[in-house]
Amino acid sequence: MANPKIKSSAQIVKKSNATAGRKPAVKNLYSRADLEEIFRRFSIQRPEPKGELEHVNPFTLVVAVALSAQATDAGVNKATRALFAVADTPQKMLDLGEERIREYIKTIGLYRNKAKNVVALSQKLITDFGGEVPRTREELVTLPGVGRKTANVVLSMAFGQATMAVDTHIFRIANRLLLAPGKTPDEVEQRLMKIIPDEYLYHAHHWLILHGRYCCKARKPECERCVIADLCRSPEKTWDIPAPLVELPAQMIGANAAS
């Protein structure tokens, strides 16, 4: 019987270096049937989920989403109602000017820098896009203050494209539920886009946000109110019986609901 070959230390190091850059495969704890059922229940609970940022057109949506970074939707809405009443186009926003914009949004965090970005993105829309909001992610992210998340929200809400905008709620939910764990929003986005059934993808972004905002809350998840409690794989879960699957009243989704 031949002696087994013993690998040299150089061979072991070489193999280690070759695999060091690879990311380990993430095992999905949810079967395809589980995923179908999770989003089916969300679709019954909220048949037509809506974003809670108030806007009147694609331009004001871009501005509202850009302003919402590190701020609540309710806080942004309170500031932008008056702003959008006088400036709902890039030119009107430029005419208003940075100083007056600051006065409208001074209750929002980082308002000085955000006011600069609103002026700059308005100018770029006029200069590069004829005053119209572009319809591609690649173009949207060239606007000052607009990142991938903002671009995805605009593509979804303004132009009806199926995207996954990973905000703090979705990032938390994806990791807490072990649904699509990832260290960065981009990783979570890629994994969610792979696992969410196609027929539910368009509304999935809002379903997950609203679930995180009103049920699977950051400080303490309200598992007894969760319609997917029996399917959830979160180690933080405290309840195994799903809540009654009924359509929620409109006010549960409205801008006046607590964030």
C-alpha atoms as a PDB file:
ATOM      1  CA  MET A   1       0.000   0.000   0.000  1.00  0.00           C
ATOM      2  CA  ALA A   2       1.482   3.334  -1.058  1.00  0.00           C
ATOM      3  CA  ASN A   3       2.265   5.843   1.614  1.00  0.00           C
ATOM      4  CA  PRO A   4      -0.123   8.801   1.657  1.00  0.00           C
ATOM      5  CA  LYS A   5       1.352  11.972   0.245  1.00  0.00           C
ATOM      6  CA  ILE A   6       2.042  14.631   2.827  1.00  0.00           C
ATOM      7  CA  LYS A   7       1.617  18.172   1.568  1.00  0.00           C
ATOM      8  CA  SER A   8       4.509  20.489   2.156  1.00  0.00           C
ATOM      9  CA  SER A   9       4.045  23.694   4.142  1.00  0.00           C
ATOM     10  CA  ALA A  10       4.583  25.652   0.916  1.00  0.00           C
ATOM     11  CA  GLN A  11       1.660  23.810  -0.719  1.00  0.00           C
ATOM     12  CA  ILE A  12      -0.577  24.484   2.275  1.00  0.00           C
ATOM     13  CA  VAL A  13       0.307  28.192   2.250  1.00  0.00           C
ATOM     14  CA  LYS A  14      -0.298  28.367  -1.489  1.00  0.00           C
ATOM     15  CA  LYS A  15      -3.782  26.815  -1.131  1.00  0.00           C
ATOM     16  CA  SER A  16      -4.572  29.096   1.807  1.00  0.00           C
ATOM     17  CA  ASN A  17      -3.640  32.178  -0.219  1.00  0.00           C
ATOM     18  CA  ALA A  18      -5.709  30.995  -3.190  1.00  0.00           C
ATOM     19  CA  THR A  19      -8.851  30.694  -1.066  1.00  0.00           C
ATOM     20  CA  ALA A  20      -8.302  33.634   1.257  1.00  0.00           C
ATOM     21  CA  GLY A  21     -10.054  36.089  -1.026  1.00  0.00           C
ATOM     22  CA  ARG A  22     -13.164  33.953  -1.445  1.00  0.00           C
ATOM     23  CA  LYS A  23     -16.248  34.703   0.592  1.00  0.00           C
ATOM     24  CA  PRO A  24     -17.807  31.655   2.232  1.00  0.00           C
ATOM     25  CA  ALA A  25     -21.157  30.707   0.788  1.00  0.00           C
ATOM     26  CA  VAL A  26     -24.045  31.916   2.901  1.00  0.00           C
ATOM     27  CA  LYS A  27     -26.450  29.093   3.610  1.00  0.00           C
ATOM     28  CA  ASN A  28     -30.041  30.238   3.329  1.00  0.00           C
ATOM     29  CA  LEU A  29     -32.092  28.991   6.265  1.00  0.00           C
ATOM     30  CA  TYR A  30     -35.356  29.493   4.379  1.00  0.00           C
ATOM     31  CA  SER A  31     -36.618  27.117   1.725  1.00  0.00           C
ATOM     32  CA  ARG A  32     -38.201  28.367  -1.466  1.00  0.00           C
ATOM     33  CA  ALA A  33     -41.586  27.425   0.001  1.00  0.00           C
ATOM     34  CA  ASP A  34     -40.789  29.430   3.145  1.00  0.00           C
ATOM     35  CA  LEU A  35     -39.900  32.507   1.121  1.00  0.00           C
ATOM     36  CA  GLU A  36     -43.038  32.208  -0.993  1.00  0.00           C
ATOM     37  CA  GLU A  37     -45.145  31.976   2.159  1.00  0.00           C
ATOM     38  CA  ILE A  38     -43.428  34.881   3.927  1.00  0.00           C
ATOM     39  CA  PHE A  39     -44.050  37.307   1.088  1.00  0.00           C
ATOM     40  CA  ARG A  40     -47.514  35.901   0.392  1.00  0.00           C
ATOM     41  CA  ARG A  41     -48.463  36.819   3.952  1.00  0.00           C
ATOM     42  CA  PHE A  42     -46.937  40.279   3.623  1.00  0.00           C
ATOM     43  CA  SER A  43     -48.970  40.762   0.439  1.00  0.00           C
ATOM     44  CA  ILE A  44     -52.208  39.941   2.267  1.00  0.00           C
ATOM     45  CA  GLN A  45     -51.323  42.127   5.227  1.00  0.00           C
ATOM     46  CA  ARG A  46     -50.426  45.122   3.042  1.00  0.00           C
ATOM     47  CA  PRO A  47     -51.705  44.599  -0.533  1.00  0.00           C
ATOM     48  CA  GLU A  48     -50.505  48.009  -1.740  1.00  0.00           C
ATOM     49  CA  PRO A  49     -47.632  49.140   0.495  1.00  0.00           C
ATOM     50  CA  LYS A  50     -46.624  52.759   0.108  1.00  0.00           C
ATOM     51  CA  GLY A  51     -43.539  54.751   0.901  1.00  0.00           C
ATOM     52  CA  GLU A  52     -44.121  57.286   3.649  1.00  0.00           C
ATOM     53  CA  LEU A  53     -42.102  60.173   2.226  1.00  0.00           C
ATOM     54  CA  GLU A  54     -44.462  62.810   0.857  1.00  0.00           C
ATOM     55  CA  HIS A  55     -43.716  64.073  -2.652  1.00  0.00           C
ATOM     56  CA  VAL A  56     -45.548  65.462  -5.662  1.00  0.00           C
ATOM     57  CA  ASN A  57     -43.288  64.366  -8.546  1.00  0.00           C
ATOM     58  CA  PRO A  58     -40.001  62.523  -9.212  1.00  0.00           C
ATOM     59  CA  PHE A  59     -37.936  65.624  -8.416  1.00  0.00           C
ATOM     60  CA  THR A  60     -39.457  66.171  -4.987  1.00  0.00           C
ATOM     61  CA  LEU A  61     -39.083  62.445  -4.322  1.00  0.00           C
ATOM     62  CA  VAL A  62     -35.341  62.650  -5.044  1.00  0.00           C
ATOM     63  CA  VAL A  63     -35.047  65.606  -2.693  1.00  0.00           C
ATOM     64  CA  ALA A  64     -37.137  63.959   0.043  1.00  0.00           C
ATOM     65  CA  VAL A  65     -35.162  60.708  -0.034  1.00  0.00           C
ATOM     66  CA  ALA A  66     -31.846  62.590  -0.017  1.00  0.00           C
ATOM     67  CA  LEU A  67     -33.038  64.589   3.005  1.00  0.00           C
ATOM     68  CA  SER A  68     -34.156  61.442   4.831  1.00  0.00           C
ATOM     69  CA  ALA A  69     -30.617  60.203   5.501  1.00  0.00           C
ATOM     70  CA  GLN A  70     -30.219  59.954   9.295  1.00  0.00           C
ATOM     71  CA  ALA A  71     -33.719  61.388   9.734  1.00  0.00           C
ATOM     72  CA  THR A  72     -37.236  59.995  10.114  1.00  0.00           C
ATOM     73  CA  ASP A  73     -39.786  60.131   7.306  1.00  0.00           C
ATOM     74  CA  ALA A  74     -42.161  61.998   9.608  1.00  0.00           C
ATOM     75  CA  GLY A  75     -39.530  64.628  10.324  1.00  0.00           C
ATOM     76  CA  VAL A  76     -38.712  65.060   6.648  1.00  0.00           C
ATOM     77  CA  ASN A  77     -42.390  65.346   5.709  1.00  0.00           C
ATOM     78  CA  LYS A  78     -42.952  68.043   8.289  1.00  0.00           C
ATOM     79  CA  ALA A  79     -40.142  70.118   6.783  1.00  0.00           C
ATOM     80  CA  THR A  80     -40.799  69.483   3.104  1.00  0.00           C
ATOM     81  CA  ARG A  81     -44.537  70.193   2.969  1.00  0.00           C
ATOM     82  CA  ALA A  82     -43.888  73.921   3.009  1.00  0.00           C
ATOM     83  CA  LEU A  83     -40.723  73.618   0.895  1.00  0.00           C
ATOM     84  CA  PHE A  84     -42.382  71.675  -1.925  1.00  0.00           C
ATOM     85  CA  ALA A  85     -45.323  74.076  -1.919  1.00  0.00           C
ATOM     86  CA  VAL A  86     -42.978  76.794  -3.216  1.00  0.00           C
ATOM     87  CA  ALA A  87     -40.291  74.741  -4.976  1.00  0.00           C
ATOM     88  CA  ASP A  88     -41.383  71.577  -6.788  1.00  0.00           C
ATOM     89  CA  THR A  89     -38.991  71.819  -9.759  1.00  0.00           C
ATOM     90  CA  PRO A  90     -35.194  72.115 -10.029  1.00  0.00           C
ATOM     91  CA  GLN A  91     -35.438  75.699 -11.311  1.00  0.00           C
ATOM     92  CA  LYS A  92     -37.752  76.804  -8.518  1.00  0.00           C
ATOM     93  CA  MET A  93     -35.389  75.226  -6.002  1.00  0.00           C
ATOM     94  CA  LEU A  94     -32.452  77.116  -7.497  1.00  0.00           C
ATOM     95  CA  ASP A  95     -34.446  80.333  -7.445  1.00  0.00           C
ATOM     96  CA  LEU A  96     -35.181  79.738  -3.765  1.00  0.00           C
ATOM     97  CA  GLY A  97     -31.486  79.525  -2.982  1.00  0.00           C
ATOM     98  CA  GLU A  98     -29.455  77.666  -0.381  1.00  0.00           C
ATOM     99  CA  GLU A  99     -30.067  80.076   2.502  1.00  0.00           C
ATOM    100  CA  ARG A 100     -33.851  79.939   2.208  1.00  0.00           C
ATOM    101  CA  ILE A 101     -33.793  76.169   1.708  1.00  0.00           C
ATOM    102  CA  ARG A 102     -31.909  75.872   5.004  1.00  0.00           C
ATOM    103  CA  GLU A 103     -34.698  77.732   6.754  1.00  0.00           C
ATOM    104  CA  TYR A 104     -37.253  75.193   5.507  1.00  0.00           C
ATOM    105  CA  ILE A 105     -35.229  72.112   6.462  1.00  0.00           C
ATOM    106  CA  LYS A 106     -33.401  73.295   9.600  1.00  0.00           C
ATOM    107  CA  THR A 107     -35.276  70.784  11.755  1.00  0.00           C
ATOM    108  CA  ILE A 108     -33.642  67.919   9.809  1.00  0.00           C
ATOM    109  CA  GLY A 109     -30.258  66.549  10.827  1.00  0.00           C
ATOM    110  CA  LEU A 110     -27.256  67.731   8.782  1.00  0.00           C
ATOM    111  CA  TYR A 111     -29.491  70.351   7.186  1.00  0.00           C
ATOM    112  CA  ARG A 112     -26.674  72.683   6.121  1.00  0.00           C
ATOM    113  CA  ASN A 113     -24.902  70.075   4.026  1.00  0.00           C
ATOM    114  CA  LYS A 114     -28.219  68.748   2.734  1.00  0.00           C
ATOM    115  CA  ALA A 115     -29.256  72.227   1.586  1.00  0.00           C
ATOM    116  CA  LYS A 116     -26.023  72.463  -0.405  1.00  0.00           C
ATOM    117  CA  ASN A 117     -26.725  69.093  -1.996  1.00  0.00           C
ATOM    118  CA  VAL A 118     -30.290  70.079  -2.907  1.00  0.00           C
ATOM    119  CA  VAL A 119     -28.993  73.157  -4.731  1.00  0.00           C
ATOM    120  CA  ALA A 120     -26.215  71.183  -6.424  1.00  0.00           C
ATOM    121  CA  LEU A 121     -28.480  68.324  -7.539  1.00  0.00           C
ATOM    122  CA  SER A 122     -31.031  70.826  -8.850  1.00  0.00           C
ATOM    123  CA  GLN A 123     -28.316  72.517 -10.894  1.00  0.00           C
ATOM    124  CA  LYS A 124     -27.033  69.216 -12.256  1.00  0.00           C
ATOM    125  CA  LEU A 125     -30.539  68.125 -13.235  1.00  0.00           C
ATOM    126  CA  ILE A 126     -30.918  71.334 -15.245  1.00  0.00           C
ATOM    127  CA  THR A 127     -27.414  71.265 -16.739  1.00  0.00           C
ATOM    128  CA  ASP A 128     -27.076  67.556 -17.537  1.00  0.00           C
ATOM    129  CA  PHE A 129     -30.624  66.197 -17.746  1.00  0.00           C
ATOM    130  CA  GLY A 130     -32.802  69.021 -19.058  1.00  0.00           C
ATOM    131  CA  GLY A 131     -34.459  69.461 -15.679  1.00  0.00           C
ATOM    132  CA  GLU A 132     -35.813  65.890 -15.684  1.00  0.00           C
ATOM    133  CA  VAL A 133     -35.003  63.161 -13.172  1.00  0.00           C
ATOM    134  CA  PRO A 134     -33.054  60.402 -14.980  1.00  0.00           C
ATOM    135  CA  ARG A 135     -34.457  56.879 -15.065  1.00  0.00           C
ATOM    136  CA  THR A 136     -31.277  54.844 -14.578  1.00  0.00           C
ATOM    137  CA  ARG A 137     -29.350  54.085 -11.410  1.00  0.00           C
ATOM    138  CA  GLU A 138     -26.070  54.974 -13.080  1.00  0.00           C
ATOM    139  CA  GLU A 139     -27.299  58.488 -13.850  1.00  0.00           C
ATOM    140  CA  LEU A 140     -29.110  59.021 -10.560  1.00  0.00           C
ATOM    141  CA  VAL A 141     -26.032  58.329  -8.441  1.00  0.00           C
ATOM    142  CA  THR A 142     -24.169  61.130 -10.237  1.00  0.00           C
ATOM    143  CA  LEU A 143     -26.467  63.629  -8.485  1.00  0.00           C
ATOM    144  CA  PRO A 144     -24.994  65.232  -5.334  1.00  0.00           C
ATOM    145  CA  GLY A 145     -26.332  63.595  -2.182  1.00  0.00           C
ATOM    146  CA  VAL A 146     -27.797  60.635  -4.093  1.00  0.00           C
ATOM    147  CA  GLY A 147     -26.382  57.198  -3.344  1.00  0.00           C
ATOM    148  CA  ARG A 148     -27.452  53.728  -4.393  1.00  0.00           C
ATOM    149  CA  LYS A 149     -30.227  53.488  -1.797  1.00  0.00           C
ATOM    150  CA  THR A 150     -31.765  56.808  -2.844  1.00  0.00           C
ATOM    151  CA  ALA A 151     -31.496  55.855  -6.502  1.00  0.00           C
ATOM    152  CA  ASN A 152     -33.260  52.534  -5.861  1.00  0.00           C
ATOM    153  CA  VAL A 153     -36.103  54.253  -3.991  1.00  0.00           C
ATOM    154  CA  VAL A 154     -36.604  56.698  -6.870  1.00  0.00           C
ATOM    155  CA  LEU A 155     -36.504  53.951  -9.498  1.00  0.00           C
ATOM    156  CA  SER A 156     -39.141  52.023  -7.570  1.00  0.00           C
ATOM    157  CA  MET A 157     -41.494  54.757  -6.409  1.00  0.00           C
ATOM    158  CA  ALA A 158     -41.222  57.164  -9.336  1.00  0.00           C
ATOM    159  CA  PHE A 159     -40.644  54.825 -12.265  1.00  0.00           C
ATOM    160  CA  GLY A 160     -42.106  51.475 -11.203  1.00  0.00           C
ATOM    161  CA  GLN A 161     -38.914  49.451 -11.344  1.00  0.00           C
ATOM    162  CA  ALA A 162     -38.410  46.455  -9.065  1.00  0.00           C
ATOM    163  CA  THR A 163     -35.458  47.424  -6.877  1.00  0.00           C
ATOM    164  CA  MET A 164     -34.300  46.790  -3.325  1.00  0.00           C
ATOM    165  CA  ALA A 165     -33.327  49.946  -1.460  1.00  0.00           C
ATOM    166  CA  VAL A 166     -31.568  48.759   1.686  1.00  0.00           C
ATOM    167  CA  ASP A 167     -32.170  51.288   4.454  1.00  0.00           C
ATOM    168  CA  THR A 168     -31.543  50.789   8.179  1.00  0.00           C
ATOM    169  CA  HIS A 169     -34.808  48.850   8.634  1.00  0.00           C
ATOM    170  CA  ILE A 170     -34.140  46.405   5.795  1.00  0.00           C
ATOM    171  CA  PHE A 171     -30.483  45.979   6.763  1.00  0.00           C
ATOM    172  CA  ARG A 172     -31.533  45.123  10.311  1.00  0.00           C
ATOM    173  CA  ILE A 173     -34.378  42.816   9.271  1.00  0.00           C
ATOM    174  CA  ALA A 174     -32.284  40.917   6.722  1.00  0.00           C
ATOM    175  CA  ASN A 175     -29.617  40.232   9.333  1.00  0.00           C
ATOM    176  CA  ARG A 176     -31.879  39.697  12.370  1.00  0.00           C
ATOM    177  CA  LEU A 177     -34.108  37.200  10.570  1.00  0.00           C
ATOM    178  CA  LEU A 178     -31.061  35.611   8.873  1.00  0.00           C
ATOM    179  CA  LEU A 179     -33.026  36.177   5.684  1.00  0.00           C
ATOM    180  CA  ALA A 180     -30.163  37.719   3.704  1.00  0.00           C
ATOM    181  CA  PRO A 181     -27.300  38.364   6.117  1.00  0.00           C
ATOM    182  CA  GLY A 182     -24.558  40.704   5.004  1.00  0.00           C
ATOM    183  CA  LYS A 183     -21.999  43.117   6.388  1.00  0.00           C
ATOM    184  CA  THR A 184     -22.875  45.927   3.989  1.00  0.00           C
ATOM    185  CA  PRO A 185     -26.096  47.250   2.423  1.00  0.00           C
ATOM    186  CA  ASP A 186     -24.823  46.165  -0.999  1.00  0.00           C
ATOM    187  CA  GLU A 187     -24.336  42.571   0.183  1.00  0.00           C
ATOM    188  CA  VAL A 188     -27.814  42.507   1.679  1.00  0.00           C
ATOM    189  CA  GLU A 189     -29.313  44.002  -1.479  1.00  0.00           C
ATOM    190  CA  GLN A 190     -27.676  41.388  -3.708  1.00  0.00           C
ATOM    191  CA  ARG A 191     -28.817  38.503  -1.533  1.00  0.00           C
ATOM    192  CA  LEU A 192     -32.378  39.774  -1.192  1.00  0.00           C
ATOM    193  CA  MET A 193     -32.660  40.238  -4.950  1.00  0.00           C
ATOM    194  CA  LYS A 194     -31.635  36.580  -5.373  1.00  0.00           C
ATOM    195  CA  ILE A 195     -34.013  35.033  -2.860  1.00  0.00           C
ATOM    196  CA  ILE A 196     -37.223  37.076  -3.112  1.00  0.00           C
ATOM    197  CA  PRO A 197     -39.733  35.408  -5.451  1.00  0.00           C
ATOM    198  CA  ASP A 198     -40.142  37.397  -8.663  1.00  0.00           C
ATOM    199  CA  GLU A 199     -43.873  37.940  -8.250  1.00  0.00           C
ATOM    200  CA  TYR A 200     -43.297  39.707  -4.926  1.00  0.00           C
ATOM    201  CA  LEU A 201     -40.152  41.660  -5.749  1.00  0.00           C
ATOM    202  CA  TYR A 202     -41.760  44.971  -6.690  1.00  0.00           C
ATOM    203  CA  HIS A 203     -43.400  45.512  -3.278  1.00  0.00           C
ATOM    204  CA  ALA A 204     -40.813  43.638  -1.180  1.00  0.00           C
ATOM    205  CA  HIS A 205     -38.830  46.777  -0.366  1.00  0.00           C
ATOM    206  CA  HIS A 206     -41.809  48.450   1.303  1.00  0.00           C
ATOM    207  CA  TRP A 207     -43.060  45.279   2.977  1.00  0.00           C
ATOM    208  CA  LEU A 208     -39.712  44.787   4.706  1.00  0.00           C
ATOM    209  CA  ILE A 209     -39.407  48.446   5.713  1.00  0.00           C
ATOM    210  CA  LEU A 210     -42.906  48.538   7.194  1.00  0.00           C
ATOM    211  CA  HIS A 211     -42.395  45.203   8.942  1.00  0.00           C
ATOM    212  CA  GLY A 212     -39.231  46.561  10.530  1.00  0.00           C
ATOM    213  CA  ARG A 213     -40.766  49.894  11.428  1.00  0.00           C
ATOM    214  CA  TYR A 214     -44.003  48.682  13.006  1.00  0.00           C
ATOM    215  CA  CYS A 215     -43.484  45.067  14.084  1.00  0.00           C
ATOM    216  CA  CYS A 216     -39.887  43.822  14.099  1.00  0.00           C
ATOM    217  CA  LYS A 217     -38.726  46.994  15.844  1.00  0.00           C
ATOM    218  CA  ALA A 218     -35.102  47.837  16.473  1.00  0.00           C
ATOM    219  CA  ARG A 219     -35.138  47.876  20.276  1.00  0.00           C
ATOM    220  CA  LYS A 220     -37.521  45.003  20.829  1.00  0.00           C
ATOM    221  CA  PRO A 221     -39.301  42.965  18.144  1.00  0.00           C
ATOM    222  CA  GLU A 222     -43.018  42.480  18.800  1.00  0.00           C
ATOM    223  CA  CYS A 223     -43.056  38.818  17.857  1.00  0.00           C
ATOM    224  CA  GLU A 224     -46.596  38.234  19.140  1.00  0.00           C
ATOM    225  CA  ARG A 225     -47.834  40.671  16.434  1.00  0.00           C
ATOM    226  CA  CYS A 226     -45.821  39.052  13.645  1.00  0.00           C
ATOM    227  CA  VAL A 227     -47.568  37.238  10.802  1.00  0.00           C
ATOM    228  CA  ILE A 228     -44.442  35.197  10.035  1.00  0.00           C
ATOM    229  CA  ALA A 229     -43.551  34.227  13.624  1.00  0.00           C
ATOM    230  CA  ASP A 230     -43.762  30.516  12.816  1.00  0.00           C
ATOM    231  CA  LEU A 231     -41.440  30.838   9.829  1.00  0.00           C
ATOM    232  CA  CYS A 232     -38.923  33.255  11.346  1.00  0.00           C
ATOM    233  CA  ARG A 233     -35.428  31.836  11.998  1.00  0.00           C
ATOM    234  CA  SER A 234     -34.200  34.721  14.143  1.00  0.00           C
ATOM    235  CA  PRO A 235     -32.372  33.708  17.337  1.00  0.00           C
ATOM    236  CA  GLU A 236     -34.048  36.743  18.947  1.00  0.00           C
ATOM    237  CA  LYS A 237     -37.538  35.359  18.342  1.00  0.00           C
ATOM    238  CA  THR A 238     -39.741  35.148  21.430  1.00  0.00           C
ATOM    239  CA  TRP A 239     -42.981  33.804  19.899  1.00  0.00           C
ATOM    240  CA  ASP A 240     -43.804  30.932  17.543  1.00  0.00           C
ATOM    241  CA  ILE A 241     -47.480  31.494  16.786  1.00  0.00           C
ATOM    242  CA  PRO A 242     -48.217  33.796  13.829  1.00  0.00           C
ATOM    243  CA  ALA A 243     -50.539  36.740  14.330  1.00  0.00           C
ATOM    244  CA  PRO A 244     -53.900  36.636  12.501  1.00  0.00           C
ATOM    245  CA  LEU A 245     -53.359  37.219   8.797  1.00  0.00           C
ATOM    246  CA  VAL A 246     -55.649  40.141   8.010  1.00  0.00           C
ATOM    247  CA  GLU A 247     -55.250  43.264   5.941  1.00  0.00           C
ATOM    248  CA  LEU A 248     -54.074  46.152   8.089  1.00  0.00           C
ATOM    249  CA  PRO A 249     -56.104  49.351   8.170  1.00  0.00           C
ATOM    250  CA  ALA A 250     -54.735  52.220   6.104  1.00  0.00           C
ATOM    251  CA  GLN A 251     -53.722  54.248   9.125  1.00  0.00           C
ATOM    252  CA  MET A 252     -51.162  51.614  10.051  1.00  0.00           C
ATOM    253  CA  ILE A 253     -49.218  52.652   6.957  1.00  0.00           C
ATOM    254  CA  GLY A 254     -49.902  56.371   7.039  1.00  0.00           C
ATOM    255  CA  ALA A 255     -47.426  59.169   7.669  1.00  0.00           C
ATOM    256  CA  ASN A 256     -48.949  59.829  11.103  1.00  0.00           C
ATOM    257  CA  ALA A 257     -48.049  56.383  12.409  1.00  0.00           C
ATOM    258  CA  ALA A 258     -45.191  56.280  14.862  1.00  0.00           C
ATOM    259  CA  SER A 259     -41.742  55.655  13.430  1.00  0.00           C
END
